[in-house]
Amino acid sequence: MRMFPQGLRQLWDSWKKGASRGAGQSDRRALIFTSVWITGAMLCTTAVVIALLPGASPLFLISTAGVYLVYAIQCHLALRNIGSFSPLTSLFFPIPLLFYQTLFFSSVIGAKSKKKTQWKGRDVD
């Protein structure tokens, strides 16, 4: 059974309807810790991209790659506790993280502007 048989748009709408509401009901310390971790992961990813540009210092590349690897290992340790994921999933963690960040901020903006989310043909908060 597929949970979202209509594809990515259905998945997006499903997760969007609960993202900001779920964050609002989360333990404040957990939310702060998670936000700091996600911010660090995104900054690390950005630093790796910058380190790959021409003229970047080799030391900068090595250090940012090391930090990136630490984040990938953290992802791997977390993912092995919730399912059977390929190690590549951990190495490419910025892709689902960017998806999540985009979805989350879209949800927050929608909630602040009182926009309704469509889910299964009806408007939901």
PDB file of N, CA and C in Angstrom:
ATOM      1  N   MET A   1       0.843  -1.180   0.000  1.00  0.00           N
ATOM      2  CA  MET A   1       0.000   0.000   0.000  1.00  0.00           C
ATOM      3  C   MET A   1       0.887   1.243   0.000  1.00  0.00           C
ATOM      4  N   ARG A   2       0.637   2.111  -0.920  1.00  0.00           N
ATOM      5  CA  ARG A   2       1.381   3.372  -0.955  1.00  0.00           C
ATOM      6  C   ARG A   2       0.620   4.419  -0.162  1.00  0.00           C
ATOM      7  N   MET A   3       1.338   5.124   0.681  1.00  0.00           N
ATOM      8  CA  MET A   3       0.709   6.130   1.519  1.00  0.00           C
ATOM      9  C   MET A   3       0.290   7.363   0.714  1.00  0.00           C
ATOM     10  N   PHE A   4       1.045   7.687  -0.322  1.00  0.00           N
ATOM     11  CA  PHE A   4       0.765   8.860  -1.138  1.00  0.00           C
ATOM     12  C   PHE A   4       0.712   8.448  -2.606  1.00  0.00           C
ATOM     13  N   PRO A   5      -0.356   7.779  -3.030  1.00  0.00           N
ATOM     14  CA  PRO A   5      -0.414   7.245  -4.385  1.00  0.00           C
ATOM     15  C   PRO A   5      -0.439   8.320  -5.474  1.00  0.00           C
ATOM     16  N   GLN A   6      -0.809   9.560  -5.112  1.00  0.00           N
ATOM     17  CA  GLN A   6      -0.869  10.619  -6.113  1.00  0.00           C
ATOM     18  C   GLN A   6       0.472  11.341  -6.273  1.00  0.00           C
ATOM     19  N   GLY A   7       1.482  10.925  -5.516  1.00  0.00           N
ATOM     20  CA  GLY A   7       2.817  11.450  -5.733  1.00  0.00           C
ATOM     21  C   GLY A   7       3.282  12.496  -4.745  1.00  0.00           C
ATOM     22  N   LEU A   8       4.306  13.234  -5.170  1.00  0.00           N
ATOM     23  CA  LEU A   8       5.002  14.190  -4.319  1.00  0.00           C
ATOM     24  C   LEU A   8       4.083  15.306  -3.822  1.00  0.00           C
ATOM     25  N   ARG A   9       3.177  15.769  -4.645  1.00  0.00           N
ATOM     26  CA  ARG A   9       2.282  16.859  -4.225  1.00  0.00           C
ATOM     27  C   ARG A   9       1.410  16.429  -3.047  1.00  0.00           C
ATOM     28  N   GLN A  10       0.944  15.202  -3.075  1.00  0.00           N
ATOM     29  CA  GLN A  10       0.121  14.693  -1.981  1.00  0.00           C
ATOM     30  C   GLN A  10       0.960  14.567  -0.699  1.00  0.00           C
ATOM     31  N   LEU A  11       2.189  14.091  -0.837  1.00  0.00           N
ATOM     32  CA  LEU A  11       3.083  14.006   0.310  1.00  0.00           C
ATOM     33  C   LEU A  11       3.338  15.402   0.878  1.00  0.00           C
ATOM     34  N   TRP A  12       3.633  16.360  -0.010  1.00  0.00           N
ATOM     35  CA  TRP A  12       3.895  17.744   0.396  1.00  0.00           C
ATOM     36  C   TRP A  12       2.718  18.300   1.197  1.00  0.00           C
ATOM     37  N   ASP A  13       1.506  18.174   0.671  1.00  0.00           N
ATOM     38  CA  ASP A  13       0.328  18.713   1.348  1.00  0.00           C
ATOM     39  C   ASP A  13       0.081  18.029   2.684  1.00  0.00           C
ATOM     40  N   SER A  14       0.318  16.727   2.730  1.00  0.00           N
ATOM     41  CA  SER A  14       0.123  15.988   3.973  1.00  0.00           C
ATOM     42  C   SER A  14       1.069  16.466   5.065  1.00  0.00           C
ATOM     43  N   TRP A  15       2.331  16.570   4.733  1.00  0.00           N
ATOM     44  CA  TRP A  15       3.304  16.992   5.730  1.00  0.00           C
ATOM     45  C   TRP A  15       3.170  18.466   6.068  1.00  0.00           C
ATOM     46  N   LYS A  16       2.806  19.270   5.086  1.00  0.00           N
ATOM     47  CA  LYS A  16       2.682  20.714   5.306  1.00  0.00           C
ATOM     48  C   LYS A  16       1.588  21.032   6.308  1.00  0.00           C
ATOM     49  N   LYS A  17       0.505  20.272   6.268  1.00  0.00           N
ATOM     50  CA  LYS A  17      -0.620  20.587   7.150  1.00  0.00           C
ATOM     51  C   LYS A  17      -0.271  20.422   8.621  1.00  0.00           C
ATOM     52  N   GLY A  18       0.736  19.617   8.922  1.00  0.00           N
ATOM     53  CA  GLY A  18       1.065  19.408  10.315  1.00  0.00           C
ATOM     54  C   GLY A  18       2.404  19.929  10.771  1.00  0.00           C
ATOM     55  N   ALA A  19       3.224  20.441   9.863  1.00  0.00           N
ATOM     56  CA  ALA A  19       4.597  20.815  10.217  1.00  0.00           C
ATOM     57  C   ALA A  19       4.659  21.935  11.252  1.00  0.00           C
ATOM     58  N   SER A  20       4.044  23.060  10.978  1.00  0.00           N
ATOM     59  CA  SER A  20       4.139  24.183  11.924  1.00  0.00           C
ATOM     60  C   SER A  20       3.347  23.899  13.187  1.00  0.00           C
ATOM     61  N   ARG A  21       2.225  23.211  13.062  1.00  0.00           N
ATOM     62  CA  ARG A  21       1.422  22.865  14.235  1.00  0.00           C
ATOM     63  C   ARG A  21       2.218  21.924  15.144  1.00  0.00           C
ATOM     64  N   GLY A  22       2.892  20.961  14.542  1.00  0.00           N
ATOM     65  CA  GLY A  22       3.702  20.029  15.325  1.00  0.00           C
ATOM     66  C   GLY A  22       4.840  20.728  16.040  1.00  0.00           C
ATOM     67  N   ALA A  23       5.477  21.674  15.362  1.00  0.00           N
ATOM     68  CA  ALA A  23       6.569  22.425  15.992  1.00  0.00           C
ATOM     69  C   ALA A  23       6.040  23.251  17.160  1.00  0.00           C
ATOM     70  N   GLY A  24       4.843  23.798  16.992  1.00  0.00           N
ATOM     71  CA  GLY A  24       4.239  24.604  18.050  1.00  0.00           C
ATOM     72  C   GLY A  24       3.892  23.796  19.287  1.00  0.00           C
ATOM     73  N   GLN A  25       3.723  22.497  19.131  1.00  0.00           N
ATOM     74  CA  GLN A  25       3.364  21.634  20.253  1.00  0.00           C
ATOM     75  C   GLN A  25       4.566  20.865  20.807  1.00  0.00           C
ATOM     76  N   SER A  26       5.743  21.095  20.248  1.00  0.00           N
ATOM     77  CA  SER A  26       6.949  20.385  20.682  1.00  0.00           C
ATOM     78  C   SER A  26       7.526  21.005  21.943  1.00  0.00           C
ATOM     79  N   ASP A  27       8.271  20.196  22.682  1.00  0.00           N
ATOM     80  CA  ASP A  27       8.995  20.679  23.842  1.00  0.00           C
ATOM     81  C   ASP A  27       9.967  21.768  23.377  1.00  0.00           C
ATOM     82  N   ARG A  28       9.967  22.879  24.073  1.00  0.00           N
ATOM     83  CA  ARG A  28      10.766  24.034  23.661  1.00  0.00           C
ATOM     84  C   ARG A  28      12.259  23.706  23.582  1.00  0.00           C
ATOM     85  N   ARG A  29      12.780  22.969  24.548  1.00  0.00           N
ATOM     86  CA  ARG A  29      14.208  22.624  24.520  1.00  0.00           C
ATOM     87  C   ARG A  29      14.533  21.741  23.323  1.00  0.00           C
ATOM     88  N   ALA A  30      13.657  20.773  23.050  1.00  0.00           N
ATOM     89  CA  ALA A  30      13.878  19.885  21.900  1.00  0.00           C
ATOM     90  C   ALA A  30      13.824  20.689  20.602  1.00  0.00           C
ATOM     91  N   LEU A  31      12.908  21.626  20.521  1.00  0.00           N
ATOM     92  CA  LEU A  31      12.778  22.458  19.333  1.00  0.00           C
ATOM     93  C   LEU A  31      14.026  23.324  19.138  1.00  0.00           C
ATOM     94  N   ILE A  32      14.545  23.885  20.212  1.00  0.00           N
ATOM     95  CA  ILE A  32      15.759  24.711  20.127  1.00  0.00           C
ATOM     96  C   ILE A  32      16.942  23.848  19.704  1.00  0.00           C
ATOM     97  N   PHE A  33      17.112  22.685  20.337  1.00  0.00           N
ATOM     98  CA  PHE A  33      18.216  21.794  19.999  1.00  0.00           C
ATOM     99  C   PHE A  33      18.138  21.365  18.536  1.00  0.00           C
ATOM    100  N   THR A  34      16.952  20.998  18.092  1.00  0.00           N
ATOM    101  CA  THR A  34      16.763  20.573  16.704  1.00  0.00           C
ATOM    102  C   THR A  34      17.053  21.712  15.740  1.00  0.00           C
ATOM    103  N   SER A  35      16.593  22.902  16.079  1.00  0.00           N
ATOM    104  CA  SER A  35      16.830  24.069  15.221  1.00  0.00           C
ATOM    105  C   SER A  35      18.318  24.387  15.106  1.00  0.00           C
ATOM    106  N   VAL A  36      19.040  24.278  16.218  1.00  0.00           N
ATOM    107  CA  VAL A  36      20.485  24.525  16.196  1.00  0.00           C
ATOM    108  C   VAL A  36      21.174  23.467  15.338  1.00  0.00           C
ATOM    109  N   TRP A  37      20.773  22.194  15.491  1.00  0.00           N
ATOM    110  CA  TRP A  37      21.383  21.122  14.700  1.00  0.00           C
ATOM    111  C   TRP A  37      21.132  21.333  13.208  1.00  0.00           C
ATOM    112  N   ILE A  38      19.894  21.638  12.850  1.00  0.00           N
ATOM    113  CA  ILE A  38      19.553  21.844  11.441  1.00  0.00           C
ATOM    114  C   ILE A  38      20.302  23.053  10.875  1.00  0.00           C
ATOM    115  N   THR A  39      20.381  24.128  11.640  1.00  0.00           N
ATOM    116  CA  THR A  39      21.118  25.304  11.192  1.00  0.00           C
ATOM    117  C   THR A  39      22.588  24.962  10.956  1.00  0.00           C
ATOM    118  N   GLY A  40      23.181  24.223  11.882  1.00  0.00           N
ATOM    119  CA  GLY A  40      24.573  23.800  11.707  1.00  0.00           C
ATOM    120  C   GLY A  40      24.758  22.930  10.481  1.00  0.00           C
ATOM    121  N   ALA A  41      23.827  22.019  10.251  1.00  0.00           N
ATOM    122  CA  ALA A  41      23.919  21.133   9.080  1.00  0.00           C
ATOM    123  C   ALA A  41      23.827  21.932   7.787  1.00  0.00           C
ATOM    124  N   MET A  42      22.947  22.915   7.744  1.00  0.00           N
ATOM    125  CA  MET A  42      22.812  23.725   6.539  1.00  0.00           C
ATOM    126  C   MET A  42      24.045  24.619   6.337  1.00  0.00           C
ATOM    127  N   LEU A  43      24.557  25.187   7.425  1.00  0.00           N
ATOM    128  CA  LEU A  43      25.771  26.015   7.314  1.00  0.00           C
ATOM    129  C   LEU A  43      26.969  25.174   6.890  1.00  0.00           C
ATOM    130  N   CYS A  44      27.062  23.972   7.430  1.00  0.00           N
ATOM    131  CA  CYS A  44      28.151  23.063   7.054  1.00  0.00           C
ATOM    132  C   CYS A  44      28.076  22.725   5.569  1.00  0.00           C
ATOM    133  N   THR A  45      26.883  22.430   5.095  1.00  0.00           N
ATOM    134  CA  THR A  45      26.697  22.115   3.678  1.00  0.00           C
ATOM    135  C   THR A  45      27.087  23.299   2.805  1.00  0.00           C
ATOM    136  N   THR A  46      26.677  24.486   3.207  1.00  0.00           N
ATOM    137  CA  THR A  46      27.032  25.698   2.473  1.00  0.00           C
ATOM    138  C   THR A  46      28.551  25.893   2.468  1.00  0.00           C
ATOM    139  N   ALA A  47      29.185  25.638   3.603  1.00  0.00           N
ATOM    140  CA  ALA A  47      30.646  25.787   3.691  1.00  0.00           C
ATOM    141  C   ALA A  47      31.358  24.797   2.770  1.00  0.00           C
ATOM    142  N   VAL A  48      30.848  23.575   2.668  1.00  0.00           N
ATOM    143  CA  VAL A  48      31.456  22.591   1.774  1.00  0.00           C
ATOM    144  C   VAL A  48      31.352  23.065   0.316  1.00  0.00           C
ATOM    145  N   VAL A  49      30.203  23.597  -0.052  1.00  0.00           N
ATOM    146  CA  VAL A  49      30.031  24.099  -1.422  1.00  0.00           C
ATOM    147  C   VAL A  49      31.020  25.243  -1.682  1.00  0.00           C
ATOM    148  N   ILE A  50      31.150  26.150  -0.726  1.00  0.00           N
ATOM    149  CA  ILE A  50      32.100  27.265  -0.875  1.00  0.00           C
ATOM    150  C   ILE A  50      33.528  26.739  -0.955  1.00  0.00           C
ATOM    151  N   ALA A  51      33.838  25.720  -0.151  1.00  0.00           N
ATOM    152  CA  ALA A  51      35.191  25.151  -0.135  1.00  0.00           C
ATOM    153  C   ALA A  51      35.545  24.474  -1.459  1.00  0.00           C
ATOM    154  N   LEU A  52      34.544  24.075  -2.220  1.00  0.00           N
ATOM    155  CA  LEU A  52      34.783  23.436  -3.514  1.00  0.00           C
ATOM    156  C   LEU A  52      34.986  24.440  -4.648  1.00  0.00           C
ATOM    157  N   LEU A  53      34.749  25.715  -4.375  1.00  0.00           N
ATOM    158  CA  LEU A  53      34.938  26.747  -5.398  1.00  0.00           C
ATOM    159  C   LEU A  53      36.425  26.970  -5.658  1.00  0.00           C
ATOM    160  N   PRO A  54      36.758  27.387  -6.870  1.00  0.00           N
ATOM    161  CA  PRO A  54      38.168  27.662  -7.185  1.00  0.00           C
ATOM    162  C   PRO A  54      38.743  28.728  -6.245  1.00  0.00           C
ATOM    163  N   GLY A  55      39.961  28.496  -5.830  1.00  0.00           N
ATOM    164  CA  GLY A  55      40.649  29.454  -4.974  1.00  0.00           C
ATOM    165  C   GLY A  55      40.440  29.237  -3.485  1.00  0.00           C
ATOM    166  N   ALA A  56      39.590  28.295  -3.121  1.00  0.00           N
ATOM    167  CA  ALA A  56      39.372  28.035  -1.699  1.00  0.00           C
ATOM    168  C   ALA A  56      40.577  27.313  -1.110  1.00  0.00           C
ATOM    169  N   SER A  57      40.839  27.567   0.124  1.00  0.00           N
ATOM    170  CA  SER A  57      41.975  26.959   0.816  1.00  0.00           C
ATOM    171  C   SER A  57      41.763  25.448   0.991  1.00  0.00           C
ATOM    172  N   PRO A  58      42.798  24.655   0.734  1.00  0.00           N
ATOM    173  CA  PRO A  58      42.684  23.212   0.964  1.00  0.00           C
ATOM    174  C   PRO A  58      42.371  22.882   2.428  1.00  0.00           C
ATOM    175  N   LEU A  59      42.897  23.667   3.358  1.00  0.00           N
ATOM    176  CA  LEU A  59      42.613  23.451   4.777  1.00  0.00           C
ATOM    177  C   LEU A  59      41.135  23.680   5.069  1.00  0.00           C
ATOM    178  N   PHE A  60      40.565  24.691   4.435  1.00  0.00           N
ATOM    179  CA  PHE A  60      39.127  24.961   4.596  1.00  0.00           C
ATOM    180  C   PHE A  60      38.310  23.781   4.070  1.00  0.00           C
ATOM    181  N   LEU A  61      38.707  23.235   2.940  1.00  0.00           N
ATOM    182  CA  LEU A  61      37.999  22.076   2.377  1.00  0.00           C
ATOM    183  C   LEU A  61      38.100  20.873   3.306  1.00  0.00           C
ATOM    184  N   ILE A  62      39.279  20.609   3.815  1.00  0.00           N
ATOM    185  CA  ILE A  62      39.468  19.458   4.700  1.00  0.00           C
ATOM    186  C   ILE A  62      38.657  19.623   5.983  1.00  0.00           C
ATOM    187  N   SER A  63      38.678  20.802   6.567  1.00  0.00           N
ATOM    188  CA  SER A  63      37.949  21.015   7.823  1.00  0.00           C
ATOM    189  C   SER A  63      36.438  20.960   7.614  1.00  0.00           C
ATOM    190  N   THR A  64      35.946  21.563   6.545  1.00  0.00           N
ATOM    191  CA  THR A  64      34.494  21.515   6.315  1.00  0.00           C
ATOM    192  C   THR A  64      34.051  20.109   5.930  1.00  0.00           C
ATOM    193  N   ALA A  65      34.897  19.381   5.202  1.00  0.00           N
ATOM    194  CA  ALA A  65      34.563  17.996   4.863  1.00  0.00           C
ATOM    195  C   ALA A  65      34.503  17.143   6.128  1.00  0.00           C
ATOM    196  N   GLY A  66      35.390  17.423   7.069  1.00  0.00           N
ATOM    197  CA  GLY A  66      35.377  16.700   8.344  1.00  0.00           C
ATOM    198  C   GLY A  66      34.101  16.954   9.128  1.00  0.00           C
ATOM    199  N   VAL A  67      33.682  18.201   9.183  1.00  0.00           N
ATOM    200  CA  VAL A  67      32.438  18.541   9.885  1.00  0.00           C
ATOM    201  C   VAL A  67      31.243  17.913   9.167  1.00  0.00           C
ATOM    202  N   TYR A  68      31.272  17.951   7.844  1.00  0.00           N
ATOM    203  CA  TYR A  68      30.205  17.332   7.052  1.00  0.00           C
ATOM    204  C   TYR A  68      30.116  15.839   7.374  1.00  0.00           C
ATOM    205  N   LEU A  69      31.258  15.186   7.466  1.00  0.00           N
ATOM    206  CA  LEU A  69      31.294  13.763   7.786  1.00  0.00           C
ATOM    207  C   LEU A  69      30.705  13.493   9.170  1.00  0.00           C
ATOM    208  N   VAL A  70      30.968  14.366  10.129  1.00  0.00           N
ATOM    209  CA  VAL A  70      30.378  14.221  11.465  1.00  0.00           C
ATOM    210  C   VAL A  70      28.853  14.286  11.371  1.00  0.00           C
ATOM    211  N   TYR A  71      28.327  15.226  10.608  1.00  0.00           N
ATOM    212  CA  TYR A  71      26.872  15.307  10.423  1.00  0.00           C
ATOM    213  C   TYR A  71      26.334  14.055   9.731  1.00  0.00           C
ATOM    214  N   ALA A  72      27.043  13.569   8.735  1.00  0.00           N
ATOM    215  CA  ALA A  72      26.605  12.355   8.030  1.00  0.00           C
ATOM    216  C   ALA A  72      26.580  11.154   8.972  1.00  0.00           C
ATOM    217  N   ILE A  73      27.569  11.053   9.841  1.00  0.00           N
ATOM    218  CA  ILE A  73      27.600   9.962  10.819  1.00  0.00           C
ATOM    219  C   ILE A  73      26.447  10.092  11.799  1.00  0.00           C
ATOM    220  N   GLN A  74      26.161  11.305  12.255  1.00  0.00           N
ATOM    221  CA  GLN A  74      25.014  11.511  13.142  1.00  0.00           C
ATOM    222  C   GLN A  74      23.714  11.088  12.451  1.00  0.00           C
ATOM    223  N   CYS A  75      23.586  11.447  11.186  1.00  0.00           N
ATOM    224  CA  CYS A  75      22.396  11.031  10.429  1.00  0.00           C
ATOM    225  C   CYS A  75      22.324   9.512  10.339  1.00  0.00           C
ATOM    226  N   HIS A  76      23.443   8.880  10.047  1.00  0.00           N
ATOM    227  CA  HIS A  76      23.475   7.425   9.931  1.00  0.00           C
ATOM    228  C   HIS A  76      23.050   6.765  11.248  1.00  0.00           C
ATOM    229  N   LEU A  77      23.561   7.250  12.364  1.00  0.00           N
ATOM    230  CA  LEU A  77      23.208   6.679  13.662  1.00  0.00           C
ATOM    231  C   LEU A  77      21.721   6.854  13.962  1.00  0.00           C
ATOM    232  N   ALA A  78      21.181   8.002  13.604  1.00  0.00           N
ATOM    233  CA  ALA A  78      19.754   8.227  13.829  1.00  0.00           C
ATOM    234  C   ALA A  78      18.908   7.374  12.885  1.00  0.00           C
ATOM    235  N   LEU A  79      19.295   7.299  11.624  1.00  0.00           N
ATOM    236  CA  LEU A  79      18.497   6.559  10.641  1.00  0.00           C
ATOM    237  C   LEU A  79      18.493   5.057  10.902  1.00  0.00           C
ATOM    238  N   ARG A  80      19.568   4.520  11.416  1.00  0.00           N
ATOM    239  CA  ARG A  80      19.581   3.071  11.658  1.00  0.00           C
ATOM    240  C   ARG A  80      18.644   2.687  12.799  1.00  0.00           C
ATOM    241  N   ASN A  81      18.260   3.665  13.619  1.00  0.00           N
ATOM    242  CA  ASN A  81      17.305   3.402  14.700  1.00  0.00           C
ATOM    243  C   ASN A  81      15.854   3.440  14.234  1.00  0.00           C
ATOM    244  N   ILE A  82      15.613   3.979  13.045  1.00  0.00           N
ATOM    245  CA  ILE A  82      14.221   4.106  12.597  1.00  0.00           C
ATOM    246  C   ILE A  82      13.905   3.318  11.337  1.00  0.00           C
ATOM    247  N   GLY A  83      14.902   2.658  10.765  1.00  0.00           N
ATOM    248  CA  GLY A  83      14.619   1.878   9.557  1.00  0.00           C
ATOM    249  C   GLY A  83      15.880   1.364   8.904  1.00  0.00           C
ATOM    250  N   SER A  84      15.694   0.854   7.704  1.00  0.00           N
ATOM    251  CA  SER A  84      16.807   0.295   6.942  1.00  0.00           C
ATOM    252  C   SER A  84      17.140   1.257   5.807  1.00  0.00           C
ATOM    253  N   PHE A  85      18.135   2.093   6.034  1.00  0.00           N
ATOM    254  CA  PHE A  85      18.523   3.109   5.066  1.00  0.00           C
ATOM    255  C   PHE A  85      19.937   2.842   4.569  1.00  0.00           C
ATOM    256  N   SER A  86      20.162   3.164   3.331  1.00  0.00           N
ATOM    257  CA  SER A  86      21.490   3.047   2.747  1.00  0.00           C
ATOM    258  C   SER A  86      22.413   4.095   3.375  1.00  0.00           C
ATOM    259  N   PRO A  87      23.693   3.782   3.521  1.00  0.00           N
ATOM    260  CA  PRO A  87      24.642   4.808   3.990  1.00  0.00           C
ATOM    261  C   PRO A  87      24.673   6.041   3.077  1.00  0.00           C
ATOM    262  N   LEU A  88      24.316   5.860   1.815  1.00  0.00           N
ATOM    263  CA  LEU A  88      24.264   7.007   0.899  1.00  0.00           C
ATOM    264  C   LEU A  88      23.225   8.029   1.346  1.00  0.00           C
ATOM    265  N   THR A  89      22.156   7.554   1.972  1.00  0.00           N
ATOM    266  CA  THR A  89      21.136   8.475   2.487  1.00  0.00           C
ATOM    267  C   THR A  89      21.776   9.437   3.478  1.00  0.00           C
ATOM    268  N   SER A  90      22.653   8.925   4.316  1.00  0.00           N
ATOM    269  CA  SER A  90      23.341   9.766   5.300  1.00  0.00           C
ATOM    270  C   SER A  90      24.333  10.714   4.637  1.00  0.00           C
ATOM    271  N   LEU A  91      25.021  10.243   3.621  1.00  0.00           N
ATOM    272  CA  LEU A  91      25.998  11.098   2.943  1.00  0.00           C
ATOM    273  C   LEU A  91      25.336  12.250   2.193  1.00  0.00           C
ATOM    274  N   PHE A  92      24.137  12.003   1.694  1.00  0.00           N
ATOM    275  CA  PHE A  92      23.419  13.042   0.949  1.00  0.00           C
ATOM    276  C   PHE A  92      22.323  13.680   1.796  1.00  0.00           C
ATOM    277  N   PHE A  93      22.545  13.769   3.120  1.00  0.00           N
ATOM    278  CA  PHE A  93      21.541  14.311   4.035  1.00  0.00           C
ATOM    279  C   PHE A  93      21.041  15.705   3.675  1.00  0.00           C
ATOM    280  N   PRO A  94      21.828  16.564   2.999  1.00  0.00           N
ATOM    281  CA  PRO A  94      21.300  17.895   2.693  1.00  0.00           C
ATOM    282  C   PRO A  94      20.066  17.886   1.783  1.00  0.00           C
ATOM    283  N   ILE A  95      19.909  16.856   0.961  1.00  0.00           N
ATOM    284  CA  ILE A  95      18.764  16.832   0.032  1.00  0.00           C
ATOM    285  C   ILE A  95      17.450  16.709   0.799  1.00  0.00           C
ATOM    286  N   PRO A  96      17.257  15.684   1.650  1.00  0.00           N
ATOM    287  CA  PRO A  96      16.000  15.642   2.407  1.00  0.00           C
ATOM    288  C   PRO A  96      15.899  16.783   3.417  1.00  0.00           C
ATOM    289  N   LEU A  97      17.037  17.251   3.924  1.00  0.00           N
ATOM    290  CA  LEU A  97      17.004  18.362   4.867  1.00  0.00           C
ATOM    291  C   LEU A  97      16.508  19.636   4.190  1.00  0.00           C
ATOM    292  N   LEU A  98      16.943  19.883   2.977  1.00  0.00           N
ATOM    293  CA  LEU A  98      16.464  21.046   2.228  1.00  0.00           C
ATOM    294  C   LEU A  98      14.975  20.916   1.926  1.00  0.00           C
ATOM    295  N   PHE A  99      14.542  19.704   1.576  1.00  0.00           N
ATOM    296  CA  PHE A  99      13.110  19.459   1.355  1.00  0.00           C
ATOM    297  C   PHE A  99      12.327  19.801   2.628  1.00  0.00           C
ATOM    298  N   TYR A 100      12.812  19.307   3.762  1.00  0.00           N
ATOM    299  CA  TYR A 100      12.133  19.556   5.033  1.00  0.00           C
ATOM    300  C   TYR A 100      12.110  21.046   5.363  1.00  0.00           C
ATOM    301  N   GLN A 101      13.237  21.721   5.212  1.00  0.00           N
ATOM    302  CA  GLN A 101      13.299  23.150   5.521  1.00  0.00           C
ATOM    303  C   GLN A 101      12.329  23.951   4.655  1.00  0.00           C
ATOM    304  N   THR A 102      12.293  23.632   3.368  1.00  0.00           N
ATOM    305  CA  THR A 102      11.378  24.323   2.464  1.00  0.00           C
ATOM    306  C   THR A 102       9.933  24.071   2.875  1.00  0.00           C
ATOM    307  N   LEU A 103       9.610  22.834   3.182  1.00  0.00           N
ATOM    308  CA  LEU A 103       8.259  22.476   3.601  1.00  0.00           C
ATOM    309  C   LEU A 103       7.896  23.171   4.910  1.00  0.00           C
ATOM    310  N   PHE A 104       8.805  23.148   5.871  1.00  0.00           N
ATOM    311  CA  PHE A 104       8.534  23.739   7.175  1.00  0.00           C
ATOM    312  C   PHE A 104       8.272  25.237   7.059  1.00  0.00           C
ATOM    313  N   PHE A 105       9.150  25.950   6.347  1.00  0.00           N
ATOM    314  CA  PHE A 105       8.959  27.394   6.232  1.00  0.00           C
ATOM    315  C   PHE A 105       7.725  27.727   5.398  1.00  0.00           C
ATOM    316  N   SER A 106       7.411  26.913   4.423  1.00  0.00           N
ATOM    317  CA  SER A 106       6.167  27.089   3.671  1.00  0.00           C
ATOM    318  C   SER A 106       4.962  26.923   4.593  1.00  0.00           C
ATOM    319  N   SER A 107       5.039  25.966   5.483  1.00  0.00           N
ATOM    320  CA  SER A 107       3.970  25.732   6.442  1.00  0.00           C
ATOM    321  C   SER A 107       3.820  26.901   7.415  1.00  0.00           C
ATOM    322  N   VAL A 108       4.939  27.392   7.923  1.00  0.00           N
ATOM    323  CA  VAL A 108       4.908  28.515   8.856  1.00  0.00           C
ATOM    324  C   VAL A 108       4.342  29.762   8.187  1.00  0.00           C
ATOM    325  N   ILE A 109       4.814  30.050   6.969  1.00  0.00           N
ATOM    326  CA  ILE A 109       4.320  31.218   6.239  1.00  0.00           C
ATOM    327  C   ILE A 109       2.831  31.077   5.955  1.00  0.00           C
ATOM    328  N   GLY A 110       2.409  29.878   5.554  1.00  0.00           N
ATOM    329  CA  GLY A 110       0.992  29.637   5.307  1.00  0.00           C
ATOM    330  C   GLY A 110       0.158  29.808   6.560  1.00  0.00           C
ATOM    331  N   ALA A 111       0.655  29.332   7.695  1.00  0.00           N
ATOM    332  CA  ALA A 111      -0.078  29.465   8.957  1.00  0.00           C
ATOM    333  C   ALA A 111      -0.168  30.922   9.385  1.00  0.00           C
ATOM    334  N   LYS A 112       0.915  31.670   9.223  1.00  0.00           N
ATOM    335  CA  LYS A 112       0.921  33.090   9.608  1.00  0.00           C
ATOM    336  C   LYS A 112       0.002  33.925   8.713  1.00  0.00           C
ATOM    337  N   SER A 113      -0.110  33.534   7.447  1.00  0.00           N
ATOM    338  CA  SER A 113      -0.962  34.294   6.532  1.00  0.00           C
ATOM    339  C   SER A 113      -2.374  33.722   6.467  1.00  0.00           C
ATOM    340  N   LYS A 114      -2.657  32.748   7.340  1.00  0.00           N
ATOM    341  CA  LYS A 114      -3.990  32.135   7.447  1.00  0.00           C
ATOM    342  C   LYS A 114      -4.427  31.421   6.179  1.00  0.00           C
ATOM    343  N   LYS A 115      -3.440  30.971   5.372  1.00  0.00           N
ATOM    344  CA  LYS A 115      -3.764  30.210   4.169  1.00  0.00           C
ATOM    345  C   LYS A 115      -4.124  28.789   4.562  1.00  0.00           C
ATOM    346  N   LYS A 116      -5.116  28.255   3.931  1.00  0.00           N
ATOM    347  CA  LYS A 116      -5.527  26.874   4.168  1.00  0.00           C
ATOM    348  C   LYS A 116      -4.709  25.949   3.278  1.00  0.00           C
ATOM    349  N   THR A 117      -4.448  24.770   3.780  1.00  0.00           N
ATOM    350  CA  THR A 117      -3.775  23.741   3.006  1.00  0.00           C
ATOM    351  C   THR A 117      -4.823  22.782   2.477  1.00  0.00           C
ATOM    352  N   GLN A 118      -4.691  22.412   1.223  1.00  0.00           N
ATOM    353  CA  GLN A 118      -5.595  21.422   0.627  1.00  0.00           C
ATOM    354  C   GLN A 118      -5.128  20.032   1.003  1.00  0.00           C
ATOM    355  N   TRP A 119      -6.033  19.211   1.492  1.00  0.00           N
ATOM    356  CA  TRP A 119      -5.716  17.824   1.794  1.00  0.00           C
ATOM    357  C   TRP A 119      -6.926  16.967   1.443  1.00  0.00           C
ATOM    358  N   LYS A 120      -6.732  16.086   0.488  1.00  0.00           N
ATOM    359  CA  LYS A 120      -7.778  15.185   0.025  1.00  0.00           C
ATOM    360  C   LYS A 120      -9.053  15.953  -0.377  1.00  0.00           C
ATOM    361  N   GLY A 121      -8.836  17.055  -1.106  1.00  0.00           N
ATOM    362  CA  GLY A 121      -9.952  17.802  -1.655  1.00  0.00           C
ATOM    363  C   GLY A 121     -10.648  18.761  -0.707  1.00  0.00           C
ATOM    364  N   ARG A 122     -10.131  18.941   0.471  1.00  0.00           N
ATOM    365  CA  ARG A 122     -10.761  19.887   1.406  1.00  0.00           C
ATOM    366  C   ARG A 122      -9.714  20.773   2.065  1.00  0.00           C
ATOM    367  N   ASP A 123     -10.137  21.935   2.539  1.00  0.00           N
ATOM    368  CA  ASP A 123      -9.239  22.856   3.224  1.00  0.00           C
ATOM    369  C   ASP A 123      -9.036  22.393   4.672  1.00  0.00           C
ATOM    370  N   VAL A 124      -7.789  22.417   5.114  1.00  0.00           N
ATOM    371  CA  VAL A 124      -7.482  22.100   6.511  1.00  0.00           C
ATOM    372  C   VAL A 124      -6.605  23.205   7.067  1.00  0.00           C
ATOM    373  N   ASP A 125      -6.606  23.360   8.378  1.00  0.00           N
ATOM    374  CA  ASP A 125      -5.766  24.376   9.037  1.00  0.00           C
ATOM    375  C   ASP A 125      -4.338  23.950   9.069  1.00  0.00           C
TER     376      ASP A 125
END
